[in-house]
């Protein structure tokens, strides 16, 4: 047994069909009396449903969350927090809404309840990324950890299959990098392998039948495990690339993770044999990077950054930004090899040894 340190984050997780109905009780348990409900514009109806469940405890609804957590949007929400004397937030949606809730908590220390509708996993991490002037910065602080997470599979049944796939592979990325993290440990290894397995077995079934409750529940379970991995250990090249690409070129978050993951994994594979062994058990083949690339293609997910709107001229800029600040990675970061990795992801080529 290798030496390790494991830090568990406090969390109250409520998992099950119909669990949304407990949001009012959970708000009262946390002492919330003037709740601000958050969502994206597309999920305003879900936010209004939560507001109805909260009844007199809902102060207002803010349906303005958007991807990459722009500081300007957070400042707008904070004005509502002040004017409505808000004492707690409920975020219903995916990573964009969860990010806004965290940004509010960072500035106010208000308690949070999160109701995920995708598989992003951000709801169980102490990590927040914010964008200002086209630059995305991240930090880790326990101030942004939600107090309660409610996983209700019923809220994911309407998630489009395309977004289900990219959101699921986004979650897989958290576990993949946890498997070769500098501060990894056997507990996280178990969660990571099980999380990847749950998502990989669920996504084809969801594409075949979007209303498959068992598959949807599997995906939620896997997302919880993968998100827990993301919040417990450090990330490396993959997440650095995705934050750089997303913040710089305003690329969609989950789709960017889906495109980049096979290439980042292939880059690190020579220095991460234990991670490759674990992923090989999941995919039942020795080349998990190619297996991820093939899975994305089979499920109709994007596999090229150019298809997401990234200009070819941005490859060098992204390379420079990804290498601008030192961070740990299992394999040393060589500029030409990293550039080749980004270029292959831009073109949609299969992952290759670099």
Protein backbone atom coordinates (compact mmCIF):
# COMPACT_ATOMS: atom_id res chain seq x y z
CA UNK A 1 0.00 0.00 0.00
CA UNK A 2 1.41 3.40 -0.95
CA UNK A 3 1.46 6.28 1.52
CA UNK A 4 -1.32 8.82 1.08
CA UNK A 5 -3.31 11.67 2.58
CA UNK A 6 -7.07 11.86 2.02
CA UNK A 7 -9.13 14.96 2.84
CA UNK A 8 -12.91 14.55 2.62
CA UNK A 9 -15.07 17.62 1.97
CA UNK A 10 -18.22 18.05 4.08
CA UNK A 11 -21.36 17.60 2.02
CA UNK A 12 -25.00 16.61 2.41
CA UNK A 13 -26.11 14.69 -0.67
CA UNK A 14 -29.74 13.76 -1.30
CA UNK A 15 -30.03 11.31 -4.19
CA UNK A 16 -33.20 9.90 -5.70
CA UNK A 17 -36.21 10.36 -7.94
CA UNK A 18 -38.51 13.09 -6.61
CA UNK A 19 -35.91 14.46 -4.21
CA UNK A 20 -36.48 18.00 -5.58
CA UNK A 21 -39.51 18.07 -3.30
CA UNK A 22 -37.19 18.30 -0.29
CA UNK A 23 -35.73 21.67 -1.29
CA UNK A 24 -38.04 23.63 1.02
CA UNK A 25 -37.19 21.48 4.04
CA UNK A 26 -33.47 21.77 3.27
CA UNK A 27 -33.70 25.55 2.97
CA UNK A 28 -35.42 25.77 6.33
CA UNK A 29 -32.86 23.43 7.88
CA UNK A 30 -30.15 25.87 6.79
CA UNK A 31 -32.10 28.81 8.19
CA UNK A 32 -32.87 30.36 4.80
CA UNK A 33 -35.80 32.77 4.78
CA UNK A 34 -35.06 34.94 1.71
CA UNK A 35 -33.76 32.66 -1.02
CA UNK A 36 -32.48 33.71 -4.44
CA UNK A 37 -33.04 30.99 -7.06
CA UNK A 38 -30.47 30.92 -9.87
CA UNK A 39 -30.62 29.49 -13.39
CA UNK A 40 -29.64 30.15 -16.98
CA UNK A 41 -32.23 31.82 -19.24
CA UNK A 42 -32.91 28.42 -20.83
CA UNK A 43 -33.80 26.88 -17.45
CA UNK A 44 -35.90 29.69 -16.08
CA UNK A 45 -38.95 27.41 -15.90
CA UNK A 46 -37.06 24.99 -13.64
CA UNK A 47 -36.05 27.92 -11.44
CA UNK A 48 -39.67 29.04 -11.23
CA UNK A 49 -40.66 25.50 -10.23
CA UNK A 50 -38.13 25.61 -7.39
CA UNK A 51 -39.43 29.06 -6.40
CA UNK A 52 -42.94 27.59 -6.15
CA UNK A 53 -41.66 24.81 -3.90
CA UNK A 54 -39.92 27.36 -1.67
CA UNK A 55 -43.09 29.45 -1.43
CA UNK A 56 -42.79 32.39 0.95
CA UNK A 57 -39.09 31.65 1.46
CA UNK A 58 -38.24 32.66 -2.14
CA UNK A 59 -37.12 36.29 -2.43
CA UNK A 60 -36.59 36.29 -6.21
CA UNK A 61 -35.40 34.39 -9.29
CA UNK A 62 -32.26 35.37 -11.22
CA UNK A 63 -32.20 33.52 -14.58
CA UNK A 64 -29.02 35.19 -15.88
CA UNK A 65 -26.29 32.61 -15.33
CA UNK A 66 -24.01 32.02 -18.30
CA UNK A 67 -20.97 29.90 -19.11
CA UNK A 68 -17.51 30.66 -17.71
CA UNK A 69 -19.04 32.71 -14.84
CA UNK A 70 -18.42 36.27 -16.10
CA UNK A 71 -17.69 38.69 -13.25
CA UNK A 72 -20.15 41.20 -14.75
CA UNK A 73 -23.03 38.73 -14.36
CA UNK A 74 -22.02 37.97 -10.78
CA UNK A 75 -21.98 41.69 -9.96
CA UNK A 76 -25.50 42.00 -11.36
CA UNK A 77 -26.67 39.12 -9.20
CA UNK A 78 -24.96 40.61 -6.14
CA UNK A 79 -27.02 43.79 -6.58
CA UNK A 80 -30.14 41.63 -6.27
CA UNK A 81 -28.69 39.86 -3.23
CA UNK A 82 -28.29 43.23 -1.52
CA UNK A 83 -31.62 44.79 -2.58
CA UNK A 84 -33.67 41.69 -1.68
CA UNK A 85 -31.75 41.01 1.57
CA UNK A 86 -31.03 37.47 0.37
CA UNK A 87 -29.80 34.99 3.00
CA UNK A 88 -29.25 31.90 0.83
CA UNK A 89 -29.12 30.73 -2.78
CA UNK A 90 -30.50 27.74 -4.63
CA UNK A 91 -28.83 26.98 -7.97
CA UNK A 92 -30.71 24.76 -10.40
CA UNK A 93 -28.94 23.76 -13.60
CA UNK A 94 -25.48 22.82 -14.87
CA UNK A 95 -21.99 24.18 -14.43
CA UNK A 96 -22.88 27.75 -15.44
CA UNK A 97 -25.51 28.11 -12.73
CA UNK A 98 -23.44 26.28 -10.14
CA UNK A 99 -20.56 28.62 -10.94
CA UNK A 100 -22.73 31.69 -10.34
CA UNK A 101 -23.88 30.30 -7.00
CA UNK A 102 -20.27 29.75 -6.01
CA UNK A 103 -19.29 33.25 -7.11
CA UNK A 104 -22.04 34.71 -4.90
CA UNK A 105 -20.93 32.53 -1.97
CA UNK A 106 -17.32 33.64 -2.48
CA UNK A 107 -18.35 37.27 -2.06
CA UNK A 108 -21.02 36.86 0.60
CA UNK A 109 -20.48 33.49 2.34
CA UNK A 110 -24.18 32.74 1.87
CA UNK A 111 -25.26 29.09 2.18
CA UNK A 112 -26.01 27.22 -1.04
CA UNK A 113 -28.27 24.41 -2.17
CA UNK A 114 -27.42 23.02 -5.61
CA UNK A 115 -29.79 21.02 -7.81
CA UNK A 116 -27.74 19.72 -10.78
CA UNK A 117 -29.43 19.01 -14.09
CA UNK A 118 -26.27 17.98 -15.98
CA UNK A 119 -23.25 15.84 -15.15
CA UNK A 120 -20.72 18.66 -14.65
CA UNK A 121 -19.80 17.70 -11.08
CA UNK A 122 -18.90 21.24 -10.01
CA UNK A 123 -21.48 21.02 -7.23
CA UNK A 124 -19.17 18.91 -5.04
CA UNK A 125 -15.93 20.83 -5.56
CA UNK A 126 -14.34 23.81 -3.76
CA UNK A 127 -13.16 25.13 -7.14
CA UNK A 128 -14.44 28.26 -8.84
CA UNK A 129 -13.46 29.67 -12.22
CA UNK A 130 -14.40 33.22 -13.20
CA UNK A 131 -13.92 35.14 -16.44
CA UNK A 132 -13.04 38.80 -16.82
CA UNK A 133 -11.75 40.59 -19.92
CA UNK A 134 -11.49 37.29 -21.80
CA UNK A 135 -9.27 35.65 -19.16
CA UNK A 136 -10.47 32.79 -16.97
CA UNK A 137 -8.91 32.35 -13.54
CA UNK A 138 -9.58 29.62 -11.01
CA UNK A 139 -9.15 29.30 -7.29
CA UNK A 140 -9.86 26.70 -4.62
CA UNK A 141 -11.55 27.70 -1.38
CA UNK A 142 -13.97 25.94 1.00
CA UNK A 143 -16.11 29.11 0.96
CA UNK A 144 -17.68 28.03 -2.34
CA UNK A 145 -18.62 24.47 -1.33
CA UNK A 146 -22.41 24.05 -1.36
CA UNK A 147 -24.01 22.93 1.90
CA UNK A 148 -26.53 20.61 0.19
CA UNK A 149 -26.68 18.87 -3.19
CA UNK A 150 -29.98 17.41 -4.41
CA UNK A 151 -29.67 14.85 -7.22
CA UNK A 152 -33.10 14.21 -8.74
CA UNK A 153 -32.91 12.02 -11.82
CA UNK A 154 -36.29 13.37 -12.98
CA UNK A 155 -34.63 16.72 -13.77
CA UNK A 156 -32.18 15.09 -16.19
CA UNK A 157 -34.73 13.24 -18.33
CA UNK A 158 -35.14 16.24 -20.62
CA UNK A 159 -31.42 16.87 -21.01
CA UNK A 160 -30.71 16.67 -24.77
CA UNK A 161 -28.70 13.61 -25.73
CA UNK A 162 -25.90 15.70 -27.24
CA UNK A 163 -25.42 17.66 -24.04
CA UNK A 164 -25.79 14.47 -22.00
CA UNK A 165 -22.85 12.97 -23.87
CA UNK A 166 -20.53 15.99 -23.63
CA UNK A 167 -21.49 16.65 -20.02
CA UNK A 168 -20.79 13.01 -19.20
CA UNK A 169 -17.38 13.02 -20.90
CA UNK A 170 -16.61 16.28 -19.10
CA UNK A 171 -17.21 14.38 -15.85
CA UNK A 172 -14.98 11.53 -17.05
CA UNK A 173 -12.19 14.09 -17.52
CA UNK A 174 -12.27 14.89 -13.81
CA UNK A 175 -11.72 11.25 -12.92
CA UNK A 176 -9.06 10.67 -15.58
CA UNK A 177 -6.87 13.45 -14.23
CA UNK A 178 -7.51 12.35 -10.65
CA UNK A 179 -6.06 8.94 -11.52
CA UNK A 180 -2.63 10.48 -12.20
CA UNK A 181 -2.81 13.42 -9.77
CA UNK A 182 0.27 14.27 -7.73
CA UNK A 183 -1.80 14.11 -4.53
CA UNK A 184 -3.87 11.09 -5.57
CA UNK A 185 -4.70 8.29 -3.18
CA UNK A 186 -6.37 4.85 -3.22
CA UNK A 187 -9.76 6.21 -2.13
CA UNK A 188 -9.92 8.66 -5.01
CA UNK A 189 -8.62 5.96 -7.37
CA UNK A 190 -11.61 3.77 -6.48
CA UNK A 191 -14.07 6.64 -6.94
CA UNK A 192 -12.47 7.64 -10.23
CA UNK A 193 -12.55 4.19 -11.79
CA UNK A 194 -16.10 3.54 -10.63
CA UNK A 195 -17.21 7.00 -11.79
CA UNK A 196 -15.79 6.51 -15.28
CA UNK A 197 -17.33 3.04 -15.48
CA UNK A 198 -20.79 4.31 -14.48
CA UNK A 199 -20.76 7.09 -17.06
CA UNK A 200 -19.26 5.07 -19.90
CA UNK A 201 -21.90 2.35 -19.50
CA UNK A 202 -24.73 4.89 -19.22
CA UNK A 203 -24.09 7.19 -22.18
CA UNK A 204 -24.82 4.72 -25.02
CA UNK A 205 -28.05 3.73 -23.28
CA UNK A 206 -29.06 7.40 -22.89
CA UNK A 207 -28.42 8.08 -26.58
CA UNK A 208 -30.52 5.05 -27.50
CA UNK A 209 -33.34 5.97 -25.08
CA UNK A 210 -33.13 9.44 -23.49
CA UNK A 211 -35.88 8.49 -21.03
CA UNK A 212 -33.97 5.51 -19.60
CA UNK A 213 -34.16 6.25 -15.87
CA UNK A 214 -31.64 3.60 -14.87
CA UNK A 215 -29.06 4.95 -17.31
CA UNK A 216 -29.77 8.54 -16.25
CA UNK A 217 -29.37 7.57 -12.60
CA UNK A 218 -26.10 5.80 -13.41
CA UNK A 219 -24.83 8.94 -15.11
CA UNK A 220 -25.75 11.10 -12.11
CA UNK A 221 -24.05 8.68 -9.75
CA UNK A 222 -20.93 8.68 -11.92
CA UNK A 223 -20.95 12.47 -12.15
CA UNK A 224 -21.10 12.75 -8.36
CA UNK A 225 -18.10 10.42 -8.01
CA UNK A 226 -16.10 12.16 -10.74
CA UNK A 227 -16.90 15.59 -9.33
CA UNK A 228 -15.77 14.45 -5.90
CA UNK A 229 -12.46 13.42 -7.49
CA UNK A 230 -12.11 16.86 -9.09
CA UNK A 231 -12.64 18.55 -5.74
CA UNK A 232 -10.27 16.31 -3.80
CA UNK A 233 -7.01 16.29 -5.79
CA UNK A 234 -5.13 18.54 -8.17
CA UNK A 235 -5.72 18.60 -11.90
CA UNK A 236 -3.12 18.84 -14.67
CA UNK A 237 -2.67 19.50 -18.40
CA UNK A 238 -6.20 18.63 -19.53
CA UNK A 239 -7.98 21.05 -17.22
CA UNK A 240 -5.40 23.78 -17.84
CA UNK A 241 -5.94 23.48 -21.58
CA UNK A 242 -9.73 23.51 -21.29
CA UNK A 243 -9.82 26.54 -19.01
CA UNK A 244 -7.43 28.35 -21.34
CA UNK A 245 -9.37 27.47 -24.48
CA UNK A 246 -12.79 28.12 -23.00
CA UNK A 247 -11.94 31.45 -21.42
CA UNK A 248 -9.87 32.77 -24.33
CA UNK A 249 -12.08 31.74 -27.25
CA UNK A 250 -15.44 31.53 -25.44
CA UNK A 251 -15.82 27.85 -26.31
CA UNK A 252 -18.59 25.73 -24.74
CA UNK A 253 -17.29 24.07 -21.59
CA UNK A 254 -18.41 20.44 -21.84
CA UNK A 255 -17.76 20.20 -25.57
CA UNK A 256 -14.22 21.53 -25.11
CA UNK A 257 -13.50 18.90 -22.47
CA UNK A 258 -14.88 16.23 -24.78
CA UNK A 259 -12.58 17.23 -27.64
CA UNK A 260 -9.41 17.74 -25.60
CA UNK A 261 -9.55 14.76 -23.22
CA UNK A 262 -8.28 12.00 -25.56
CA UNK A 263 -5.31 14.15 -26.58
CA UNK A 264 -4.36 15.22 -23.05
CA UNK A 265 -4.64 11.62 -21.84
CA UNK A 266 -2.47 10.40 -24.71
CA UNK A 267 0.13 13.06 -23.87
CA UNK A 268 0.33 11.92 -20.24
CA UNK A 269 -0.07 8.18 -20.83
CA UNK A 270 3.68 7.32 -20.82
CA UNK A 271 4.04 8.87 -17.35
CA UNK A 272 0.80 7.48 -15.87
CA UNK A 273 0.82 3.66 -16.07
CA UNK A 274 -1.46 3.16 -13.05
CA UNK A 275 -4.09 5.47 -14.58
CA UNK A 276 -3.87 3.66 -17.91
CA UNK A 277 -4.33 0.31 -16.13
CA UNK A 278 -7.47 1.55 -14.39
CA UNK A 279 -8.96 2.99 -17.58
CA UNK A 280 -8.03 -0.15 -19.51
CA UNK A 281 -10.15 -2.13 -17.06
CA UNK A 282 -13.10 0.16 -17.76
CA UNK A 283 -12.79 0.15 -21.55
CA UNK A 284 -11.44 -3.40 -21.75
CA UNK A 285 -8.66 -2.29 -24.09
CA UNK A 286 -5.12 -0.98 -23.65
CA UNK A 287 -5.56 2.35 -25.44
CA UNK A 288 -8.10 4.32 -23.39
CA UNK A 289 -7.29 7.60 -25.16
CA UNK A 290 -8.36 6.13 -28.50
CA UNK A 291 -11.32 4.48 -26.78
CA UNK A 292 -12.51 7.89 -25.53
CA UNK A 293 -12.06 9.41 -28.99
CA UNK A 294 -14.00 6.55 -30.58
CA UNK A 295 -16.74 6.74 -27.92
CA UNK A 296 -17.27 10.45 -28.60
CA UNK A 297 -17.52 9.75 -32.32
CA UNK A 298 -19.92 6.84 -31.88
CA UNK A 299 -22.21 8.98 -29.71
CA UNK A 300 -22.19 11.93 -32.10
CA UNK A 301 -20.13 14.28 -29.94
CA UNK A 302 -17.78 16.91 -31.42
CA UNK A 303 -14.14 15.88 -31.82
CA UNK A 304 -12.58 19.05 -33.26
CA UNK A 305 -12.02 22.45 -31.64
CA UNK A 306 -12.50 24.13 -35.01
CA UNK A 307 -16.08 22.87 -35.00
CA UNK A 308 -16.61 24.70 -31.69
CA UNK A 309 -15.47 28.01 -33.15
CA UNK A 310 -11.78 28.13 -32.28
CA UNK A 311 -9.67 29.82 -34.99
CA UNK A 312 -6.61 27.98 -36.26
CA UNK A 313 -4.56 31.10 -35.51
CA UNK A 314 -5.36 30.55 -31.83
CA UNK A 315 -3.28 27.37 -31.54
CA UNK A 316 -0.05 29.20 -30.73
CA UNK A 317 -1.80 31.63 -28.42
CA UNK A 318 -3.40 28.76 -26.51
CA UNK A 319 -0.05 26.99 -26.26
CA UNK A 320 1.64 30.06 -24.81
CA UNK A 321 -1.15 30.64 -22.29
CA UNK A 322 -1.21 26.98 -21.24
CA UNK A 323 2.51 27.14 -20.47
CA UNK A 324 2.58 30.65 -18.99
CA UNK A 325 2.29 29.59 -15.35
CA UNK A 326 3.99 26.57 -13.84
CA UNK A 327 1.80 23.70 -12.62
CA UNK A 328 2.38 20.02 -11.91
CA UNK A 329 1.83 17.45 -14.66
CA UNK A 330 2.89 13.79 -14.65
CA UNK A 331 4.86 14.32 -17.85
CA UNK A 332 7.08 17.40 -18.32
CA UNK A 333 5.47 20.05 -20.48
CA UNK A 334 7.34 20.51 -23.77
CA UNK A 335 6.10 23.37 -25.90
CA UNK A 336 6.18 21.65 -29.30
CA UNK A 337 4.51 18.52 -27.94
CA UNK A 338 1.79 20.55 -26.20
CA UNK A 339 1.27 22.59 -29.37
CA UNK A 340 0.95 19.39 -31.40
CA UNK A 341 -1.63 18.14 -28.90
CA UNK A 342 -3.71 21.32 -29.29
CA UNK A 343 -3.32 21.28 -33.08
CA UNK A 344 -4.57 17.70 -33.28
CA UNK A 345 -7.55 18.57 -31.10
CA UNK A 346 -8.26 21.59 -33.30
CA UNK A 347 -8.24 19.43 -36.44
CA UNK A 348 -10.18 16.54 -34.89
CA UNK A 349 -7.46 14.00 -35.54
CA UNK A 350 -7.19 10.79 -33.48
CA UNK A 351 -4.87 11.06 -30.44
CA UNK A 352 -1.23 10.25 -31.21
CA UNK A 353 1.94 9.81 -29.19
CA UNK A 354 3.72 13.16 -28.94
